[in-house]
Every structure is written in C-alpha cells, then in structure tokens.
C-alpha cells in the first residue's frame, strides 16, 4: 500500500462492520443528494471508510444482519468524534444497469432485494456503481473530530485533520480469500 490519502468514503456503519469482518467486499453507490456532479464518481482509489448512521433501517438488511444494526444503533449517540477503523482500495468499479445484473449480486451483500432494487431505480439513467474493495483493518483506529463539513448526503469527504505517520494496517482477507470472492462476483457480471 502506498501513501495514505486523507479522504474518506461515507458508508453505513453496519456495512463497514460487514466489510471489516470479511462478510462482503462490495458496496453500492449512485451518489449522495448533495454530490457536486449529482452522480457517483470514484474520487480516490484508496480511502478510509467513514461510518454513518443516517438512513440505516433494519428492514433494509437481510435477517442475519438485523441484530448487528440494532446493536450499532443502540450504541450510536450524538458524538463529537468519529472512529475510523478501516481503509479500502478499489479493485473494480462495476456498473450495474439492469435488475438481472443486480440479482446476480444478491449473495454477495448484506442488503435486502428491495434495498438494492431501490438503489438501482434511483436516478434510473445513471448506472449503479458496485465497488469491489480490498479492506484493511487499522491496528489502532483513528479518532478524529466530527466536523460540520463532514455532514450531509455526500459520498466523499476530505479529512481535515493531520494523520499520524505510523498508520499500520492488515488486510481483512488473505490474498487467496479476497481473490476467490472477487472472482465469484466478477464472474456473475459476465
């Protein structure tokens, strides 16, 4: 891994837990409501995962993940700091344009069919971006101030903090495990 980028992608806290546990390696994006370009673009090939708590709903998750969300929401109280515990590298940006393509990805994520379908239908003319991510767990999570500029429905944020120089991280999945999962996903898209 090269130089650490001071950029983060906002993602549901429950999805970050699944990524850090190696239970999924994908996220889905169409873009936040206040994105400058009004659609999603990969602004960085490597970034921190920034946990968010808005819009998470139990009914949008597959049954095994509902208790995890309940626990996360119980622990979510208004905070002045945020914990960054993982870093990601984009391995592939798959564009999904049809319900058929989306259905093939169902086994590879934590969301219900309804949630994934709604993501695809929103801004119908734009593709749904499915990012395959290689996830790295930080040995020591970073606790940073939760600044006003990080708020809002946007995907990317520039971290306005000085990062420590000795950030150590390890891949969540071995190279073989990650390759197997990634190949399983990309082979469904052919």
N, C-alpha and C. Protein backbone atom coordinates (compact mmCIF):
# COMPACT_ATOMS: atom_id res chain seq x y z
N UNK A 1 0.84 -1.17 0.00
CA UNK A 1 0.00 0.00 0.00
C UNK A 1 0.89 1.24 0.00
N UNK A 2 0.44 2.24 -0.74
CA UNK A 2 1.23 3.44 -0.88
C UNK A 2 0.84 4.47 0.18
N UNK A 3 1.09 5.71 -0.13
CA UNK A 3 0.78 6.80 0.78
C UNK A 3 -0.70 6.81 1.16
N UNK A 4 -0.98 7.11 2.42
CA UNK A 4 -2.35 7.14 2.93
C UNK A 4 -3.02 8.45 2.48
N UNK A 5 -4.16 8.33 1.82
CA UNK A 5 -4.91 9.50 1.37
C UNK A 5 -5.79 10.03 2.50
N UNK A 6 -5.81 11.35 2.70
CA UNK A 6 -6.68 11.92 3.74
C UNK A 6 -8.10 12.14 3.21
N UNK A 7 -8.67 11.09 2.65
CA UNK A 7 -10.02 11.14 2.10
C UNK A 7 -10.79 9.96 2.65
N UNK A 8 -12.10 10.12 2.76
CA UNK A 8 -12.93 9.04 3.29
C UNK A 8 -14.21 8.93 2.47
N UNK A 9 -14.71 7.72 2.40
CA UNK A 9 -15.99 7.44 1.76
C UNK A 9 -16.98 7.14 2.88
N UNK A 10 -18.09 7.83 2.86
CA UNK A 10 -19.11 7.61 3.88
C UNK A 10 -19.90 6.36 3.55
N UNK A 11 -20.11 5.53 4.56
CA UNK A 11 -20.84 4.27 4.38
C UNK A 11 -21.56 3.93 5.68
N UNK A 12 -22.67 3.22 5.55
CA UNK A 12 -23.41 2.77 6.73
C UNK A 12 -22.47 2.04 7.68
N UNK A 13 -22.59 2.30 8.96
CA UNK A 13 -21.76 1.63 9.97
C UNK A 13 -21.94 0.12 9.90
N UNK A 14 -23.15 -0.36 9.67
CA UNK A 14 -23.39 -1.80 9.62
C UNK A 14 -22.69 -2.43 8.41
N UNK A 15 -22.61 -1.71 7.30
CA UNK A 15 -21.89 -2.22 6.12
C UNK A 15 -20.40 -2.25 6.38
N UNK A 16 -19.89 -1.23 7.08
CA UNK A 16 -18.46 -1.23 7.42
C UNK A 16 -18.14 -2.42 8.31
N UNK A 17 -19.00 -2.73 9.26
CA UNK A 17 -18.77 -3.92 10.09
C UNK A 17 -18.69 -5.19 9.24
N UNK A 18 -19.58 -5.31 8.26
CA UNK A 18 -19.57 -6.49 7.38
C UNK A 18 -18.30 -6.52 6.53
N UNK A 19 -17.87 -5.36 6.06
CA UNK A 19 -16.62 -5.29 5.28
C UNK A 19 -15.43 -5.68 6.15
N UNK A 20 -15.38 -5.16 7.37
CA UNK A 20 -14.26 -5.45 8.27
C UNK A 20 -14.24 -6.90 8.74
N UNK A 21 -15.41 -7.54 8.72
CA UNK A 21 -15.50 -8.95 9.11
C UNK A 21 -15.23 -9.88 7.93
N UNK A 22 -15.06 -9.31 6.73
CA UNK A 22 -14.83 -10.13 5.55
C UNK A 22 -16.09 -10.80 5.03
N UNK A 23 -17.26 -10.34 5.49
CA UNK A 23 -18.52 -10.93 5.07
C UNK A 23 -19.01 -10.41 3.73
N UNK A 24 -18.46 -9.30 3.30
CA UNK A 24 -18.72 -8.79 1.96
C UNK A 24 -17.52 -7.95 1.55
N UNK A 25 -17.38 -7.78 0.23
CA UNK A 25 -16.28 -6.96 -0.28
C UNK A 25 -16.79 -5.91 -1.25
N UNK A 26 -18.12 -5.72 -1.29
CA UNK A 26 -18.69 -4.73 -2.20
C UNK A 26 -19.52 -3.70 -1.45
N UNK A 27 -19.61 -2.53 -2.07
CA UNK A 27 -20.58 -1.52 -1.67
C UNK A 27 -21.26 -1.02 -2.94
N UNK A 28 -22.44 -0.42 -2.78
CA UNK A 28 -23.20 0.08 -3.92
C UNK A 28 -23.35 1.59 -3.81
N UNK A 29 -23.19 2.28 -4.93
CA UNK A 29 -23.27 3.74 -4.93
C UNK A 29 -23.97 4.29 -6.17
N UNK A 30 -24.82 5.30 -5.94
CA UNK A 30 -25.38 6.12 -7.01
C UNK A 30 -24.97 7.56 -6.81
N UNK A 31 -24.63 7.93 -5.60
CA UNK A 31 -24.24 9.30 -5.31
C UNK A 31 -25.14 9.90 -4.26
N UNK A 32 -24.58 10.79 -3.46
CA UNK A 32 -25.35 11.48 -2.44
C UNK A 32 -26.19 12.59 -3.04
N UNK A 33 -27.17 13.02 -2.30
CA UNK A 33 -28.09 14.05 -2.77
C UNK A 33 -27.35 15.36 -3.04
N UNK A 34 -26.31 15.64 -2.26
CA UNK A 34 -25.60 16.91 -2.45
C UNK A 34 -24.26 16.74 -3.18
N UNK A 35 -24.10 15.66 -3.93
CA UNK A 35 -22.87 15.49 -4.71
C UNK A 35 -22.77 16.62 -5.73
N UNK A 36 -21.58 17.14 -5.91
CA UNK A 36 -21.39 18.24 -6.87
C UNK A 36 -21.78 17.83 -8.28
N UNK A 37 -21.47 16.58 -8.66
CA UNK A 37 -21.76 16.13 -10.02
C UNK A 37 -23.13 15.48 -10.15
N UNK A 38 -23.84 15.33 -9.05
CA UNK A 38 -25.17 14.70 -9.00
C UNK A 38 -25.14 13.20 -9.29
N UNK A 39 -23.97 12.63 -9.49
CA UNK A 39 -23.87 11.18 -9.64
C UNK A 39 -22.57 10.74 -8.98
N UNK A 40 -22.42 9.45 -8.84
CA UNK A 40 -21.25 8.94 -8.13
C UNK A 40 -20.05 8.84 -9.06
N UNK A 41 -18.91 9.24 -8.53
CA UNK A 41 -17.63 9.06 -9.22
C UNK A 41 -16.61 8.61 -8.19
N UNK A 42 -15.71 7.74 -8.60
CA UNK A 42 -14.63 7.32 -7.71
C UNK A 42 -13.62 8.46 -7.68
N UNK A 43 -13.54 9.13 -6.54
CA UNK A 43 -12.63 10.27 -6.40
C UNK A 43 -11.24 9.86 -5.93
N UNK A 44 -11.14 8.66 -5.39
CA UNK A 44 -9.85 8.16 -4.92
C UNK A 44 -9.86 6.64 -4.98
N UNK A 45 -8.74 6.07 -5.36
CA UNK A 45 -8.63 4.61 -5.43
C UNK A 45 -8.38 3.99 -4.05
N UNK A 46 -8.06 4.82 -3.06
CA UNK A 46 -7.81 4.34 -1.70
C UNK A 46 -8.33 5.39 -0.73
N UNK A 47 -8.95 4.93 0.37
CA UNK A 47 -9.63 5.85 1.27
C UNK A 47 -9.99 5.15 2.58
N UNK A 48 -10.27 5.97 3.58
CA UNK A 48 -10.81 5.47 4.84
C UNK A 48 -12.31 5.25 4.66
N UNK A 49 -12.87 4.35 5.45
CA UNK A 49 -14.31 4.16 5.49
C UNK A 49 -14.84 4.95 6.69
N UNK A 50 -15.75 5.87 6.43
CA UNK A 50 -16.29 6.80 7.42
C UNK A 50 -17.70 6.32 7.79
N UNK A 51 -17.89 5.82 9.02
CA UNK A 51 -19.20 5.27 9.40
C UNK A 51 -20.29 6.33 9.53
N UNK A 52 -21.44 6.04 8.95
CA UNK A 52 -22.61 6.91 9.08
C UNK A 52 -23.74 6.12 9.71
N UNK A 53 -24.68 6.84 10.27
CA UNK A 53 -25.78 6.21 10.99
C UNK A 53 -27.14 6.61 10.43
N UNK A 54 -27.17 7.62 9.58
CA UNK A 54 -28.42 8.05 8.96
C UNK A 54 -28.86 7.02 7.93
N UNK A 55 -30.15 6.92 7.77
CA UNK A 55 -30.78 6.10 6.72
C UNK A 55 -30.65 4.59 6.94
N UNK A 56 -29.93 4.14 7.96
CA UNK A 56 -29.85 2.70 8.21
C UNK A 56 -31.19 2.25 8.79
N UNK A 57 -31.75 1.21 8.21
CA UNK A 57 -33.03 0.68 8.69
C UNK A 57 -32.95 -0.84 8.71
N UNK A 58 -33.45 -1.42 9.76
CA UNK A 58 -33.42 -2.87 9.93
C UNK A 58 -34.08 -3.58 8.76
N UNK A 59 -35.19 -3.04 8.28
CA UNK A 59 -35.93 -3.72 7.20
C UNK A 59 -35.19 -3.71 5.86
N UNK A 60 -34.10 -2.98 5.76
CA UNK A 60 -33.31 -2.94 4.53
C UNK A 60 -32.15 -3.94 4.54
N UNK A 61 -32.04 -4.70 5.64
CA UNK A 61 -30.96 -5.67 5.78
C UNK A 61 -31.49 -7.10 5.76
N UNK A 62 -30.68 -8.00 5.26
CA UNK A 62 -31.01 -9.42 5.34
C UNK A 62 -31.08 -9.82 6.81
N UNK A 63 -31.86 -10.83 7.12
CA UNK A 63 -32.12 -11.23 8.51
C UNK A 63 -30.88 -11.41 9.39
N UNK A 64 -29.80 -12.06 8.91
CA UNK A 64 -28.64 -12.24 9.80
C UNK A 64 -27.99 -10.94 10.27
N UNK A 65 -28.23 -9.83 9.57
CA UNK A 65 -27.56 -8.57 9.90
C UNK A 65 -28.44 -7.61 10.71
N UNK A 66 -29.71 -7.95 10.87
CA UNK A 66 -30.61 -7.08 11.63
C UNK A 66 -30.17 -6.90 13.08
N UNK A 67 -29.77 -7.97 13.79
CA UNK A 67 -29.32 -7.77 15.18
C UNK A 67 -28.06 -6.90 15.28
N UNK A 68 -27.19 -6.99 14.29
CA UNK A 68 -25.98 -6.16 14.28
C UNK A 68 -26.36 -4.69 14.18
N UNK A 69 -27.32 -4.38 13.32
CA UNK A 69 -27.75 -2.99 13.19
C UNK A 69 -28.40 -2.51 14.48
N UNK A 70 -29.22 -3.36 15.10
CA UNK A 70 -29.84 -2.97 16.37
C UNK A 70 -28.78 -2.59 17.39
N UNK A 71 -27.72 -3.38 17.46
CA UNK A 71 -26.62 -3.12 18.41
C UNK A 71 -25.92 -1.81 18.06
N UNK A 72 -25.63 -1.61 16.79
CA UNK A 72 -24.96 -0.38 16.35
C UNK A 72 -25.80 0.85 16.67
N UNK A 73 -27.11 0.76 16.42
CA UNK A 73 -27.98 1.91 16.67
C UNK A 73 -28.13 2.19 18.16
N UNK A 74 -28.12 1.15 18.98
CA UNK A 74 -28.18 1.34 20.43
C UNK A 74 -26.95 2.09 20.93
N UNK A 75 -25.80 1.79 20.33
CA UNK A 75 -24.55 2.43 20.74
C UNK A 75 -24.34 3.79 20.11
N UNK A 76 -25.12 4.11 19.08
CA UNK A 76 -24.95 5.39 18.38
C UNK A 76 -25.63 6.50 19.17
N UNK A 77 -24.83 7.33 19.74
CA UNK A 77 -25.32 8.51 20.45
C UNK A 77 -24.68 9.73 19.78
N UNK A 78 -25.28 10.89 19.92
CA UNK A 78 -24.62 12.06 19.33
C UNK A 78 -23.18 12.16 19.83
N UNK A 79 -22.27 12.30 18.88
CA UNK A 79 -20.85 12.28 19.22
C UNK A 79 -20.16 13.52 18.65
N UNK A 80 -19.01 13.81 19.21
CA UNK A 80 -18.19 14.92 18.71
C UNK A 80 -16.97 14.38 17.96
N UNK A 81 -16.80 13.05 18.00
CA UNK A 81 -15.69 12.42 17.27
C UNK A 81 -16.23 11.23 16.49
N UNK A 82 -15.43 10.75 15.56
CA UNK A 82 -15.76 9.56 14.79
C UNK A 82 -14.53 8.66 14.78
N UNK A 83 -14.77 7.36 14.81
CA UNK A 83 -13.68 6.38 14.79
C UNK A 83 -13.54 5.81 13.38
N UNK A 84 -12.35 5.95 12.82
CA UNK A 84 -12.04 5.33 11.53
C UNK A 84 -11.20 4.09 11.82
N UNK A 85 -11.73 2.93 11.46
CA UNK A 85 -11.04 1.69 11.81
C UNK A 85 -10.62 0.88 10.59
N UNK A 86 -10.94 1.37 9.38
CA UNK A 86 -10.55 0.61 8.19
C UNK A 86 -10.24 1.53 7.02
N UNK A 87 -9.46 0.97 6.12
CA UNK A 87 -9.00 1.65 4.91
C UNK A 87 -9.33 0.72 3.75
N UNK A 88 -9.68 1.27 2.60
CA UNK A 88 -10.09 0.44 1.46
C UNK A 88 -9.36 0.85 0.20
N UNK A 89 -9.17 -0.13 -0.67
CA UNK A 89 -8.66 0.12 -2.01
C UNK A 89 -9.68 -0.40 -3.01
N UNK A 90 -9.97 0.40 -4.03
CA UNK A 90 -10.90 -0.02 -5.08
C UNK A 90 -10.17 -0.98 -6.01
N UNK A 91 -10.71 -2.18 -6.14
CA UNK A 91 -10.15 -3.19 -7.04
C UNK A 91 -10.91 -3.18 -8.37
N UNK A 92 -12.22 -2.89 -8.28
CA UNK A 92 -13.04 -2.83 -9.50
C UNK A 92 -14.24 -1.93 -9.25
N UNK A 93 -14.67 -1.26 -10.30
CA UNK A 93 -15.88 -0.44 -10.28
C UNK A 93 -16.80 -1.02 -11.35
N UNK A 94 -17.75 -1.84 -10.91
CA UNK A 94 -18.66 -2.50 -11.84
C UNK A 94 -19.91 -1.63 -11.99
N UNK A 95 -20.35 -1.41 -13.21
CA UNK A 95 -21.55 -0.64 -13.44
C UNK A 95 -22.71 -1.60 -13.69
N UNK A 96 -23.74 -1.45 -12.87
CA UNK A 96 -24.92 -2.30 -12.97
C UNK A 96 -26.05 -1.45 -13.55
N UNK A 97 -26.63 -1.95 -14.63
CA UNK A 97 -27.68 -1.20 -15.32
C UNK A 97 -29.03 -1.91 -15.34
N UNK A 98 -29.06 -3.17 -14.93
CA UNK A 98 -30.32 -3.91 -15.01
C UNK A 98 -30.60 -4.68 -13.73
N UNK A 99 -31.88 -4.97 -13.54
CA UNK A 99 -32.29 -5.76 -12.38
C UNK A 99 -31.68 -7.15 -12.44
N UNK A 100 -31.54 -7.71 -13.63
CA UNK A 100 -30.95 -9.04 -13.79
C UNK A 100 -29.51 -9.06 -13.27
N UNK A 101 -28.72 -8.05 -13.64
CA UNK A 101 -27.34 -7.96 -13.16
C UNK A 101 -27.31 -7.83 -11.63
N UNK A 102 -28.19 -6.99 -11.12
CA UNK A 102 -28.25 -6.76 -9.68
C UNK A 102 -28.62 -8.04 -8.94
N UNK A 103 -29.56 -8.79 -9.46
CA UNK A 103 -29.99 -10.05 -8.82
C UNK A 103 -28.84 -11.04 -8.68
N UNK A 104 -27.93 -11.03 -9.64
CA UNK A 104 -26.78 -11.94 -9.58
C UNK A 104 -25.84 -11.62 -8.42
N UNK A 105 -25.89 -10.39 -7.94
CA UNK A 105 -25.01 -9.97 -6.83
C UNK A 105 -25.62 -10.20 -5.45
N UNK A 106 -26.88 -10.64 -5.40
CA UNK A 106 -27.59 -10.78 -4.13
C UNK A 106 -26.82 -11.58 -3.07
N UNK A 107 -26.17 -12.68 -3.41
CA UNK A 107 -25.47 -13.45 -2.36
C UNK A 107 -24.24 -12.74 -1.78
N UNK A 108 -23.82 -11.63 -2.38
CA UNK A 108 -22.54 -11.03 -2.01
C UNK A 108 -22.64 -9.77 -1.14
N UNK A 109 -23.85 -9.47 -0.64
CA UNK A 109 -24.00 -8.28 0.19
C UNK A 109 -25.03 -8.50 1.29
N UNK A 110 -25.12 -7.52 2.20
CA UNK A 110 -25.97 -7.63 3.39
C UNK A 110 -27.37 -7.07 3.20
N UNK A 111 -27.64 -6.41 2.08
CA UNK A 111 -28.90 -5.70 1.91
C UNK A 111 -29.98 -6.59 1.32
N UNK A 112 -31.24 -6.20 1.58
CA UNK A 112 -32.38 -6.93 1.01
C UNK A 112 -32.49 -6.64 -0.48
N UNK A 113 -33.27 -7.47 -1.16
CA UNK A 113 -33.52 -7.25 -2.58
C UNK A 113 -34.17 -5.88 -2.79
N UNK A 114 -35.10 -5.53 -1.89
CA UNK A 114 -35.81 -4.25 -2.01
C UNK A 114 -34.84 -3.07 -1.96
N UNK A 115 -33.90 -3.09 -1.00
CA UNK A 115 -32.94 -2.01 -0.88
C UNK A 115 -32.08 -1.89 -2.14
N UNK A 116 -31.55 -3.01 -2.59
CA UNK A 116 -30.69 -3.00 -3.78
C UNK A 116 -31.47 -2.53 -5.00
N UNK A 117 -32.71 -2.98 -5.11
CA UNK A 117 -33.55 -2.59 -6.24
C UNK A 117 -33.83 -1.08 -6.22
N UNK A 118 -34.10 -0.54 -5.05
CA UNK A 118 -34.34 0.90 -4.93
C UNK A 118 -33.10 1.70 -5.29
N UNK A 119 -31.94 1.21 -4.90
CA UNK A 119 -30.68 1.89 -5.28
C UNK A 119 -30.54 1.92 -6.81
N UNK A 120 -30.86 0.80 -7.46
CA UNK A 120 -30.75 0.73 -8.92
C UNK A 120 -31.75 1.70 -9.58
N UNK A 121 -32.98 1.76 -9.07
CA UNK A 121 -34.03 2.57 -9.69
C UNK A 121 -33.81 4.07 -9.50
N UNK A 122 -33.16 4.46 -8.40
CA UNK A 122 -32.96 5.89 -8.14
C UNK A 122 -32.03 6.45 -9.20
N UNK A 123 -32.39 7.58 -9.78
CA UNK A 123 -31.62 8.18 -10.89
C UNK A 123 -31.45 7.12 -11.99
N UNK A 124 -32.54 6.63 -12.49
CA UNK A 124 -32.60 5.49 -13.42
C UNK A 124 -31.62 5.59 -14.59
N UNK A 125 -31.37 6.80 -15.08
CA UNK A 125 -30.48 6.95 -16.24
C UNK A 125 -29.02 6.70 -15.90
N UNK A 126 -28.69 6.70 -14.61
CA UNK A 126 -27.30 6.51 -14.18
C UNK A 126 -27.10 5.07 -13.72
N UNK A 127 -25.93 4.49 -13.98
CA UNK A 127 -25.68 3.12 -13.51
C UNK A 127 -25.46 3.08 -12.00
N UNK A 128 -25.71 1.94 -11.42
CA UNK A 128 -25.38 1.68 -10.02
C UNK A 128 -23.93 1.22 -10.01
N UNK A 129 -23.10 1.90 -9.22
CA UNK A 129 -21.70 1.50 -9.11
C UNK A 129 -21.57 0.48 -7.99
N UNK A 130 -21.01 -0.67 -8.32
CA UNK A 130 -20.71 -1.69 -7.33
C UNK A 130 -19.19 -1.74 -7.23
N UNK A 131 -18.69 -1.25 -6.11
CA UNK A 131 -17.24 -1.22 -5.92
C UNK A 131 -16.78 -2.48 -5.20
N UNK A 132 -15.82 -3.17 -5.79
CA UNK A 132 -15.16 -4.28 -5.10
C UNK A 132 -13.98 -3.66 -4.36
N UNK A 133 -13.98 -3.86 -3.04
CA UNK A 133 -12.98 -3.22 -2.18
C UNK A 133 -12.10 -4.23 -1.48
N UNK A 134 -10.82 -3.94 -1.44
CA UNK A 134 -9.88 -4.67 -0.59
C UNK A 134 -9.82 -3.88 0.71
N UNK A 135 -10.21 -4.50 1.80
CA UNK A 135 -10.34 -3.81 3.09
C UNK A 135 -9.14 -4.13 3.98
N UNK A 136 -8.64 -3.08 4.63
CA UNK A 136 -7.54 -3.19 5.58
C UNK A 136 -8.01 -2.66 6.93
N UNK A 137 -7.80 -3.44 7.96
CA UNK A 137 -8.17 -3.04 9.32
C UNK A 137 -6.98 -2.32 9.95
N UNK A 138 -7.23 -1.15 10.51
CA UNK A 138 -6.18 -0.40 11.18
C UNK A 138 -5.83 -1.05 12.51
N UNK A 139 -4.55 -1.23 12.80
CA UNK A 139 -4.14 -1.79 14.09
C UNK A 139 -4.61 -0.91 15.23
N UNK A 140 -4.52 0.40 15.03
CA UNK A 140 -5.01 1.37 16.01
C UNK A 140 -5.97 2.31 15.30
N UNK A 141 -7.28 2.20 15.58
CA UNK A 141 -8.24 3.10 14.93
C UNK A 141 -7.90 4.57 15.18
N UNK A 142 -8.32 5.40 14.24
CA UNK A 142 -8.12 6.84 14.37
C UNK A 142 -9.40 7.46 14.92
N UNK A 143 -9.27 8.26 15.94
CA UNK A 143 -10.41 9.01 16.46
C UNK A 143 -10.20 10.47 16.04
N UNK A 144 -11.13 10.95 15.22
CA UNK A 144 -10.99 12.31 14.69
C UNK A 144 -12.22 13.14 15.07
N UNK A 145 -12.07 14.47 15.09
CA UNK A 145 -13.23 15.32 15.39
C UNK A 145 -14.30 15.17 14.30
N UNK A 146 -15.55 15.17 14.70
CA UNK A 146 -16.66 15.11 13.77
C UNK A 146 -17.02 16.54 13.38
N UNK A 147 -16.47 16.98 12.28
CA UNK A 147 -16.62 18.37 11.83
C UNK A 147 -17.92 18.56 11.04
N UNK A 148 -18.47 19.75 11.10
CA UNK A 148 -19.69 20.07 10.36
C UNK A 148 -19.53 19.79 8.87
N UNK A 149 -18.34 20.02 8.34
CA UNK A 149 -18.12 19.84 6.90
C UNK A 149 -18.23 18.37 6.47
N UNK A 150 -18.24 17.45 7.41
CA UNK A 150 -18.38 16.03 7.09
C UNK A 150 -19.85 15.62 6.98
N UNK A 151 -20.75 16.48 7.42
CA UNK A 151 -22.18 16.16 7.45
C UNK A 151 -22.79 16.27 6.06
N UNK A 152 -23.98 15.72 5.91
CA UNK A 152 -24.73 15.83 4.66
C UNK A 152 -24.65 14.58 3.82
N UNK A 153 -25.55 14.51 2.85
CA UNK A 153 -25.65 13.34 1.96
C UNK A 153 -24.69 13.47 0.80
N UNK A 154 -23.44 13.22 1.09
CA UNK A 154 -22.40 13.22 0.08
C UNK A 154 -21.55 11.98 0.32
N UNK A 155 -20.95 11.46 -0.70
CA UNK A 155 -20.19 10.23 -0.59
C UNK A 155 -18.78 10.45 -0.05
N UNK A 156 -18.10 11.46 -0.58
CA UNK A 156 -16.69 11.66 -0.28
C UNK A 156 -16.47 12.86 0.64
N UNK A 157 -15.53 12.71 1.56
CA UNK A 157 -15.13 13.84 2.39
C UNK A 157 -13.61 13.87 2.49
N UNK A 158 -13.09 15.08 2.46
CA UNK A 158 -11.66 15.27 2.68
C UNK A 158 -11.48 15.42 4.18
N UNK A 159 -10.63 14.60 4.76
CA UNK A 159 -10.39 14.65 6.20
C UNK A 159 -9.55 15.86 6.52
N UNK A 160 -10.10 16.73 7.32
CA UNK A 160 -9.44 17.97 7.66
C UNK A 160 -8.70 17.80 8.99
N UNK A 161 -7.82 16.82 9.02
CA UNK A 161 -7.02 16.51 10.21
C UNK A 161 -5.63 16.08 9.76
N UNK A 162 -4.70 16.21 10.64
CA UNK A 162 -3.36 15.70 10.34
C UNK A 162 -3.33 14.24 10.77
N UNK A 163 -3.03 13.37 9.82
CA UNK A 163 -2.98 11.94 10.11
C UNK A 163 -1.63 11.58 10.72
N UNK A 164 -1.66 10.66 11.68
CA UNK A 164 -0.38 10.24 12.24
C UNK A 164 0.42 9.50 11.16
N UNK A 165 1.70 9.52 11.30
CA UNK A 165 2.60 8.98 10.28
C UNK A 165 2.73 7.45 10.32
N UNK A 166 2.46 6.86 11.45
CA UNK A 166 2.71 5.42 11.62
C UNK A 166 1.42 4.60 11.60
N UNK A 167 0.60 4.77 10.58
CA UNK A 167 -0.63 4.01 10.48
C UNK A 167 -0.29 2.60 9.98
N UNK A 168 -0.59 1.62 10.81
CA UNK A 168 -0.33 0.22 10.47
C UNK A 168 -1.67 -0.46 10.24
N UNK A 169 -1.75 -1.25 9.18
CA UNK A 169 -2.99 -1.95 8.86
C UNK A 169 -2.70 -3.30 8.23
N UNK A 170 -3.68 -4.18 8.34
CA UNK A 170 -3.55 -5.52 7.77
C UNK A 170 -4.80 -5.84 6.96
N UNK A 171 -4.65 -6.58 5.86
CA UNK A 171 -5.83 -6.95 5.08
C UNK A 171 -6.77 -7.83 5.89
N UNK A 172 -8.07 -7.58 5.73
CA UNK A 172 -9.08 -8.37 6.42
C UNK A 172 -9.07 -9.81 5.91
N UNK A 173 -8.95 -9.96 4.60
CA UNK A 173 -8.92 -11.28 3.97
C UNK A 173 -7.53 -11.55 3.40
N UNK A 174 -7.14 -12.80 3.41
CA UNK A 174 -5.88 -13.16 2.77
C UNK A 174 -6.01 -12.90 1.27
N UNK A 175 -4.90 -12.87 0.57
CA UNK A 175 -4.93 -12.64 -0.88
C UNK A 175 -5.77 -13.70 -1.57
N UNK A 176 -5.63 -14.96 -1.16
CA UNK A 176 -6.41 -16.04 -1.78
C UNK A 176 -7.90 -15.89 -1.49
N UNK A 177 -8.27 -15.59 -0.24
CA UNK A 177 -9.68 -15.41 0.10
C UNK A 177 -10.29 -14.25 -0.68
N UNK A 178 -9.55 -13.15 -0.74
CA UNK A 178 -10.06 -11.99 -1.46
C UNK A 178 -10.20 -12.31 -2.95
N UNK A 179 -9.21 -12.95 -3.54
CA UNK A 179 -9.26 -13.29 -4.97
C UNK A 179 -10.44 -14.19 -5.27
N UNK A 180 -10.70 -15.15 -4.41
CA UNK A 180 -11.83 -16.07 -4.60
C UNK A 180 -13.15 -15.30 -4.59
N UNK A 181 -13.34 -14.43 -3.59
CA UNK A 181 -14.58 -13.66 -3.52
C UNK A 181 -14.72 -12.72 -4.71
N UNK A 182 -13.65 -12.04 -5.05
CA UNK A 182 -13.68 -11.09 -6.15
C UNK A 182 -14.01 -11.79 -7.47
N UNK A 183 -13.39 -12.93 -7.70
CA UNK A 183 -13.66 -13.70 -8.91
C UNK A 183 -15.12 -14.19 -8.95
N UNK A 184 -15.65 -14.60 -7.81
CA UNK A 184 -17.04 -15.03 -7.74
C UNK A 184 -17.98 -13.91 -8.17
N UNK A 185 -17.68 -12.69 -7.74
CA UNK A 185 -18.51 -11.54 -8.07
C UNK A 185 -18.37 -11.18 -9.54
N UNK A 186 -17.14 -11.02 -10.01
CA UNK A 186 -16.95 -10.58 -11.39
C UNK A 186 -17.43 -11.62 -12.39
N UNK A 187 -17.36 -12.90 -12.05
CA UNK A 187 -17.83 -13.93 -12.97
C UNK A 187 -19.35 -13.87 -13.13
N UNK A 188 -20.06 -13.35 -12.14
CA UNK A 188 -21.52 -13.20 -12.23
C UNK A 188 -21.91 -12.04 -13.14
N UNK A 189 -20.97 -11.16 -13.40
CA UNK A 189 -21.27 -9.96 -14.19
C UNK A 189 -20.94 -10.15 -15.67
N UNK A 190 -20.43 -11.31 -16.04
CA UNK A 190 -20.07 -11.56 -17.44
C UNK A 190 -21.28 -12.02 -18.23
